[in-house]
Amino acid sequence: MADNQNNNNKMSYEEAGRKGGEATSRNHDKEFYQEIGEKGGEATASNHDKEFYQDIGEKGGKSSGGGNQSSSNS
């Protein structure tokens, strides 16, 4: 946030997005997020075919190498 002092006190896109997300979170409940998630899923399903889901399923099954996946051996 201190970086904004050099830009004539203009808010960065990152900060604006964060503040907007926080405001949305305060103003809406769990059902709101479930509803928009369902709408997004329906839109994705109507715009993509079986191959799309196979591709993303395959990608999801592969390790990204990021090291953030939890181990089931704990």
N, C-alpha and C. Protein backbone atom coordinates (compact mmCIF):
# COMPACT_ATOMS: atom_id res chain seq x y z
N MET A 1 0.80 -1.19 0.00
CA MET A 1 0.00 0.00 0.00
C MET A 1 0.85 1.26 0.00
N ALA A 2 2.06 1.16 0.51
CA ALA A 2 2.96 2.31 0.52
C ALA A 2 3.37 2.69 -0.90
N ASP A 3 3.32 1.71 -1.82
CA ASP A 3 3.67 1.98 -3.21
C ASP A 3 2.73 3.01 -3.84
N ASN A 4 1.53 3.14 -3.33
CA ASN A 4 0.56 4.05 -3.91
C ASN A 4 0.93 5.52 -3.69
N GLN A 5 1.80 5.81 -2.76
CA GLN A 5 2.20 7.19 -2.50
C GLN A 5 2.93 7.79 -3.69
N ASN A 6 3.57 6.97 -4.48
CA ASN A 6 4.30 7.44 -5.65
C ASN A 6 3.40 7.63 -6.87
N ASN A 7 2.17 7.24 -6.79
CA ASN A 7 1.24 7.33 -7.91
C ASN A 7 0.12 8.33 -7.63
N ASN A 8 0.46 9.45 -7.02
CA ASN A 8 -0.53 10.48 -6.71
C ASN A 8 -1.72 9.93 -5.92
N ASN A 9 -1.43 9.04 -4.99
CA ASN A 9 -2.45 8.43 -4.12
C ASN A 9 -3.50 7.63 -4.87
N LYS A 10 -3.18 7.17 -6.07
CA LYS A 10 -4.11 6.32 -6.82
C LYS A 10 -4.01 4.90 -6.31
N MET A 11 -5.14 4.24 -6.26
CA MET A 11 -5.21 2.86 -5.80
C MET A 11 -4.78 1.92 -6.93
N SER A 12 -4.01 0.90 -6.61
CA SER A 12 -3.61 -0.07 -7.61
C SER A 12 -4.80 -0.98 -7.94
N TYR A 13 -4.73 -1.65 -9.09
CA TYR A 13 -5.78 -2.59 -9.45
C TYR A 13 -5.87 -3.70 -8.41
N GLU A 14 -4.73 -4.11 -7.91
CA GLU A 14 -4.70 -5.17 -6.90
C GLU A 14 -5.44 -4.74 -5.64
N GLU A 15 -5.14 -3.54 -5.18
CA GLU A 15 -5.79 -3.04 -3.97
C GLU A 15 -7.28 -2.82 -4.19
N ALA A 16 -7.66 -2.29 -5.35
CA ALA A 16 -9.07 -2.07 -5.66
C ALA A 16 -9.82 -3.40 -5.68
N GLY A 17 -9.22 -4.41 -6.27
CA GLY A 17 -9.84 -5.73 -6.31
C GLY A 17 -10.00 -6.34 -4.94
N ARG A 18 -8.96 -6.18 -4.12
CA ARG A 18 -9.03 -6.71 -2.76
C ARG A 18 -10.13 -6.02 -1.97
N LYS A 19 -10.17 -4.70 -2.06
CA LYS A 19 -11.20 -3.95 -1.32
C LYS A 19 -12.60 -4.30 -1.81
N GLY A 20 -12.76 -4.45 -3.11
CA GLY A 20 -14.05 -4.83 -3.66
C GLY A 20 -14.47 -6.22 -3.21
N GLY A 21 -13.53 -7.14 -3.19
CA GLY A 21 -13.82 -8.49 -2.72
C GLY A 21 -14.19 -8.52 -1.25
N GLU A 22 -13.51 -7.72 -0.46
CA GLU A 22 -13.84 -7.66 0.97
C GLU A 22 -15.23 -7.06 1.18
N ALA A 23 -15.57 -6.02 0.42
CA ALA A 23 -16.90 -5.41 0.54
C ALA A 23 -17.98 -6.40 0.12
N THR A 24 -17.73 -7.12 -0.96
CA THR A 24 -18.70 -8.12 -1.42
C THR A 24 -18.89 -9.19 -0.36
N SER A 25 -17.80 -9.62 0.24
CA SER A 25 -17.86 -10.64 1.28
C SER A 25 -18.69 -10.17 2.48
N ARG A 26 -18.55 -8.92 2.83
CA ARG A 26 -19.32 -8.38 3.96
C ARG A 26 -20.81 -8.27 3.65
N ASN A 27 -21.13 -8.03 2.38
CA ASN A 27 -22.51 -7.76 2.00
C ASN A 27 -23.31 -8.98 1.55
N HIS A 28 -22.65 -10.11 1.37
CA HIS A 28 -23.34 -11.30 0.87
C HIS A 28 -23.03 -12.51 1.73
N ASP A 29 -23.96 -13.47 1.70
CA ASP A 29 -23.80 -14.66 2.53
C ASP A 29 -23.40 -15.87 1.68
N LYS A 30 -23.32 -17.01 2.33
CA LYS A 30 -22.89 -18.25 1.69
C LYS A 30 -23.77 -18.60 0.49
N GLU A 31 -25.07 -18.39 0.61
CA GLU A 31 -26.00 -18.74 -0.46
C GLU A 31 -25.71 -17.93 -1.73
N PHE A 32 -25.31 -16.68 -1.58
CA PHE A 32 -24.95 -15.84 -2.72
C PHE A 32 -23.81 -16.48 -3.50
N TYR A 33 -22.78 -16.90 -2.79
CA TYR A 33 -21.63 -17.51 -3.46
C TYR A 33 -21.98 -18.85 -4.08
N GLN A 34 -22.86 -19.61 -3.42
CA GLN A 34 -23.30 -20.87 -4.00
C GLN A 34 -24.07 -20.64 -5.29
N GLU A 35 -24.92 -19.61 -5.30
CA GLU A 35 -25.73 -19.31 -6.48
C GLU A 35 -24.86 -18.85 -7.65
N ILE A 36 -23.91 -17.96 -7.40
CA ILE A 36 -23.08 -17.50 -8.52
C ILE A 36 -22.14 -18.61 -8.99
N GLY A 37 -21.74 -19.47 -8.09
CA GLY A 37 -20.91 -20.62 -8.49
C GLY A 37 -21.69 -21.57 -9.37
N GLU A 38 -22.95 -21.80 -9.03
CA GLU A 38 -23.81 -22.68 -9.83
C GLU A 38 -24.05 -22.07 -11.22
N LYS A 39 -24.30 -20.77 -11.25
CA LYS A 39 -24.50 -20.09 -12.54
C LYS A 39 -23.25 -20.18 -13.40
N GLY A 40 -22.10 -20.01 -12.78
CA GLY A 40 -20.84 -20.12 -13.52
C GLY A 40 -20.62 -21.51 -14.04
N GLY A 41 -20.94 -22.51 -13.24
CA GLY A 41 -20.81 -23.90 -13.68
C GLY A 41 -21.73 -24.22 -14.84
N GLU A 42 -22.96 -23.69 -14.77
CA GLU A 42 -23.91 -23.92 -15.86
C GLU A 42 -23.43 -23.24 -17.15
N ALA A 43 -22.90 -22.03 -17.03
CA ALA A 43 -22.39 -21.32 -18.19
C ALA A 43 -21.21 -22.06 -18.80
N THR A 44 -20.32 -22.56 -17.96
CA THR A 44 -19.16 -23.31 -18.45
C THR A 44 -19.62 -24.57 -19.16
N ALA A 45 -20.59 -25.26 -18.58
CA ALA A 45 -21.09 -26.50 -19.17
C ALA A 45 -21.73 -26.25 -20.52
N SER A 46 -22.42 -25.11 -20.68
CA SER A 46 -23.08 -24.84 -21.96
C SER A 46 -22.09 -24.37 -23.03
N ASN A 47 -20.91 -23.92 -22.61
CA ASN A 47 -19.92 -23.41 -23.56
C ASN A 47 -18.81 -24.39 -23.90
N HIS A 48 -18.76 -25.52 -23.22
CA HIS A 48 -17.67 -26.46 -23.43
C HIS A 48 -18.21 -27.88 -23.58
N ASP A 49 -17.41 -28.72 -24.23
CA ASP A 49 -17.82 -30.09 -24.48
C ASP A 49 -17.09 -31.07 -23.54
N LYS A 50 -17.36 -32.34 -23.77
CA LYS A 50 -16.79 -33.40 -22.94
C LYS A 50 -15.26 -33.36 -22.93
N GLU A 51 -14.67 -33.06 -24.08
CA GLU A 51 -13.21 -33.02 -24.20
C GLU A 51 -12.60 -31.97 -23.26
N PHE A 52 -13.26 -30.84 -23.13
CA PHE A 52 -12.80 -29.78 -22.22
C PHE A 52 -12.67 -30.32 -20.79
N TYR A 53 -13.70 -31.01 -20.34
CA TYR A 53 -13.68 -31.55 -18.98
C TYR A 53 -12.66 -32.67 -18.82
N GLN A 54 -12.46 -33.44 -19.87
CA GLN A 54 -11.42 -34.47 -19.82
C GLN A 54 -10.04 -33.83 -19.69
N ASP A 55 -9.83 -32.76 -20.44
CA ASP A 55 -8.54 -32.07 -20.39
C ASP A 55 -8.27 -31.47 -19.01
N ILE A 56 -9.26 -30.78 -18.45
CA ILE A 56 -9.01 -30.17 -17.14
C ILE A 56 -8.93 -31.22 -16.04
N GLY A 57 -9.65 -32.32 -16.22
CA GLY A 57 -9.55 -33.41 -15.26
C GLY A 57 -8.16 -34.03 -15.28
N GLU A 58 -7.61 -34.17 -16.46
CA GLU A 58 -6.26 -34.72 -16.61
C GLU A 58 -5.24 -33.78 -15.98
N LYS A 59 -5.39 -32.48 -16.22
CA LYS A 59 -4.47 -31.51 -15.64
C LYS A 59 -4.58 -31.50 -14.12
N GLY A 60 -5.78 -31.65 -13.61
CA GLY A 60 -5.98 -31.67 -12.16
C GLY A 60 -5.37 -32.89 -11.51
N GLY A 61 -5.28 -33.96 -12.25
CA GLY A 61 -4.71 -35.19 -11.71
C GLY A 61 -3.20 -35.20 -11.70
N LYS A 62 -2.58 -34.23 -12.36
CA LYS A 62 -1.12 -34.15 -12.41
C LYS A 62 -0.61 -33.17 -11.37
N SER A 63 0.53 -33.44 -10.81
CA SER A 63 1.16 -32.52 -9.87
C SER A 63 1.70 -31.33 -10.60
N SER A 64 1.46 -30.15 -10.06
CA SER A 64 1.98 -28.93 -10.67
C SER A 64 3.43 -28.68 -10.29
N GLY A 65 3.92 -29.42 -9.31
CA GLY A 65 5.29 -29.23 -8.87
C GLY A 65 5.46 -28.05 -7.94
N GLY A 66 4.34 -27.45 -7.53
CA GLY A 66 4.39 -26.26 -6.68
C GLY A 66 4.68 -26.57 -5.23
N GLY A 67 4.52 -27.80 -4.83
CA GLY A 67 4.82 -28.17 -3.46
C GLY A 67 3.73 -27.85 -2.47
N ASN A 68 2.56 -27.42 -2.92
CA ASN A 68 1.49 -27.06 -2.01
C ASN A 68 0.51 -28.19 -1.75
N GLN A 69 0.73 -29.32 -2.36
CA GLN A 69 -0.20 -30.43 -2.17
C GLN A 69 0.14 -31.13 -0.87
N SER A 70 -0.90 -31.44 -0.08
CA SER A 70 -0.67 -32.08 1.20
C SER A 70 -0.42 -33.57 1.01
N SER A 71 0.36 -34.11 1.88
CA SER A 71 0.70 -35.52 1.82
C SER A 71 -0.29 -36.33 2.63
N SER A 72 -0.69 -37.48 2.10
CA SER A 72 -1.61 -38.34 2.82
C SER A 72 -0.86 -39.29 3.75
N ASN A 73 0.46 -39.17 3.81
CA ASN A 73 1.27 -40.05 4.64
C ASN A 73 1.56 -39.44 6.00
N SER A 74 0.85 -38.42 6.41
CA SER A 74 1.19 -37.77 7.67
C SER A 74 0.58 -38.44 8.85
